[in-house]
Amino acid sequence: MHTIDKDNCLNIGFFQKPHGVFGTLMLTFIEGLEEIVEQTSIFLVDMEGILVPWFTIEEGVRIISSKTALVDLEWVEDEASAKRLSGKSA
């Protein structure tokens, strides 16, 4: 099994906290990356030193400010699941 090399990835920010009870996450990202974030369908999340791919649902990224987006990921459907990703780098 091969892992993803962090040196080949761009750390855009982190998942701040759940937004609501249906698993939506608030993503805080580097200002100026709105277009990249909006077009992203896969977020690589640092889980205990390993980058794990998380896929967005269709139209799962909504930019709400120059540094914040709401993100809906596959398999994250409730607040408890979203809390496990809170504070993780993306």
Protein backbone atom coordinates (compact mmCIF):
# COMPACT_ATOMS: atom_id res chain seq x y z
CA MET A 1 0.00 0.00 0.00
CA HIS A 2 1.36 3.42 -0.96
CA THR A 3 0.76 6.61 0.97
CA ILE A 4 0.36 10.07 -0.53
CA ASP A 5 3.51 12.19 -0.26
CA LYS A 6 2.71 15.37 1.70
CA ASP A 7 5.43 17.26 -0.20
CA ASN A 8 3.33 16.95 -3.38
CA CYS A 9 0.21 18.44 -1.74
CA LEU A 10 -0.97 21.93 -0.86
CA ASN A 11 -2.23 22.44 2.69
CA ILE A 12 -5.15 24.81 2.10
CA GLY A 13 -6.44 25.02 5.66
CA PHE A 14 -8.40 22.98 8.18
CA PHE A 15 -11.88 21.79 9.05
CA GLN A 16 -12.94 24.12 11.82
CA LYS A 17 -16.17 22.62 13.17
CA PRO A 18 -19.46 21.01 12.17
CA HIS A 19 -22.09 23.35 10.73
CA GLY A 20 -25.51 22.03 11.70
CA VAL A 21 -26.49 18.45 12.47
CA PHE A 22 -26.26 16.85 9.00
CA GLY A 23 -22.47 16.50 8.74
CA THR A 24 -21.60 19.74 6.96
CA LEU A 25 -18.14 21.00 7.93
CA MET A 26 -16.83 24.55 8.06
CA LEU A 27 -13.50 24.79 6.22
CA THR A 28 -11.13 27.67 6.98
CA PHE A 29 -8.68 28.09 4.11
CA ILE A 30 -5.92 30.42 2.90
CA GLU A 31 -7.34 33.64 1.48
CA GLY A 32 -7.07 33.74 -2.30
CA LEU A 33 -7.75 30.03 -2.82
CA GLU A 34 -11.53 30.38 -3.22
CA GLU A 35 -11.57 29.10 -6.81
CA ILE A 36 -9.38 26.08 -6.02
CA VAL A 37 -11.49 25.19 -2.97
CA GLU A 38 -14.76 25.59 -4.88
CA GLN A 39 -13.59 23.24 -7.66
CA THR A 40 -12.15 20.61 -5.31
CA SER A 41 -13.90 17.25 -5.22
CA ILE A 42 -11.32 15.50 -2.99
CA PHE A 43 -9.86 16.78 0.26
CA LEU A 44 -6.78 15.02 1.60
CA VAL A 45 -7.16 15.07 5.37
CA ASP A 46 -4.24 14.48 7.72
CA MET A 47 -5.36 11.61 9.92
CA GLU A 48 -2.59 10.70 12.39
CA GLY A 49 0.16 11.62 9.91
CA ILE A 50 -1.39 9.89 6.90
CA LEU A 51 -3.25 11.79 4.16
CA VAL A 52 -6.68 10.20 3.70
CA PRO A 53 -8.84 11.20 0.70
CA TRP A 54 -12.37 12.39 1.46
CA PHE A 55 -14.69 12.95 -1.50
CA THR A 56 -17.25 15.75 -1.64
CA ILE A 57 -20.84 15.08 -2.60
CA GLU A 58 -22.04 16.68 -5.84
CA GLU A 59 -21.92 20.47 -5.37
CA GLY A 60 -20.65 19.82 -1.86
CA VAL A 61 -18.52 22.97 -1.52
CA ARG A 62 -20.08 26.38 -0.89
CA ILE A 63 -17.84 29.42 -0.44
CA ILE A 64 -19.25 31.75 2.23
CA SER A 65 -16.35 34.23 2.59
CA SER A 66 -12.82 34.85 1.33
CA LYS A 67 -11.48 32.33 3.87
CA THR A 68 -14.42 30.07 4.73
CA ALA A 69 -16.47 27.39 2.96
CA LEU A 70 -19.11 24.86 3.91
CA VAL A 71 -18.19 21.34 2.80
CA ASP A 72 -20.31 18.20 2.54
CA LEU A 73 -18.30 14.98 2.31
CA GLU A 74 -19.41 11.49 1.36
CA TRP A 75 -19.97 9.24 4.39
CA VAL A 76 -20.17 12.23 6.76
CA GLU A 77 -23.89 12.47 7.39
CA ASP A 78 -24.23 13.56 11.00
CA GLU A 79 -22.69 15.89 13.56
CA ALA A 80 -20.75 13.10 15.34
CA SER A 81 -19.02 12.06 12.09
CA ALA A 82 -18.20 15.69 11.30
CA LYS A 83 -16.71 16.23 14.78
CA ARG A 84 -14.13 13.50 14.09
CA LEU A 85 -12.77 15.66 11.24
CA SER A 86 -12.85 18.94 13.19
CA GLY A 87 -9.41 20.47 13.61
CA LYS A 88 -7.90 18.28 10.88
CA SER A 89 -5.71 19.83 8.18
CA ALA A 90 -6.95 19.63 4.60
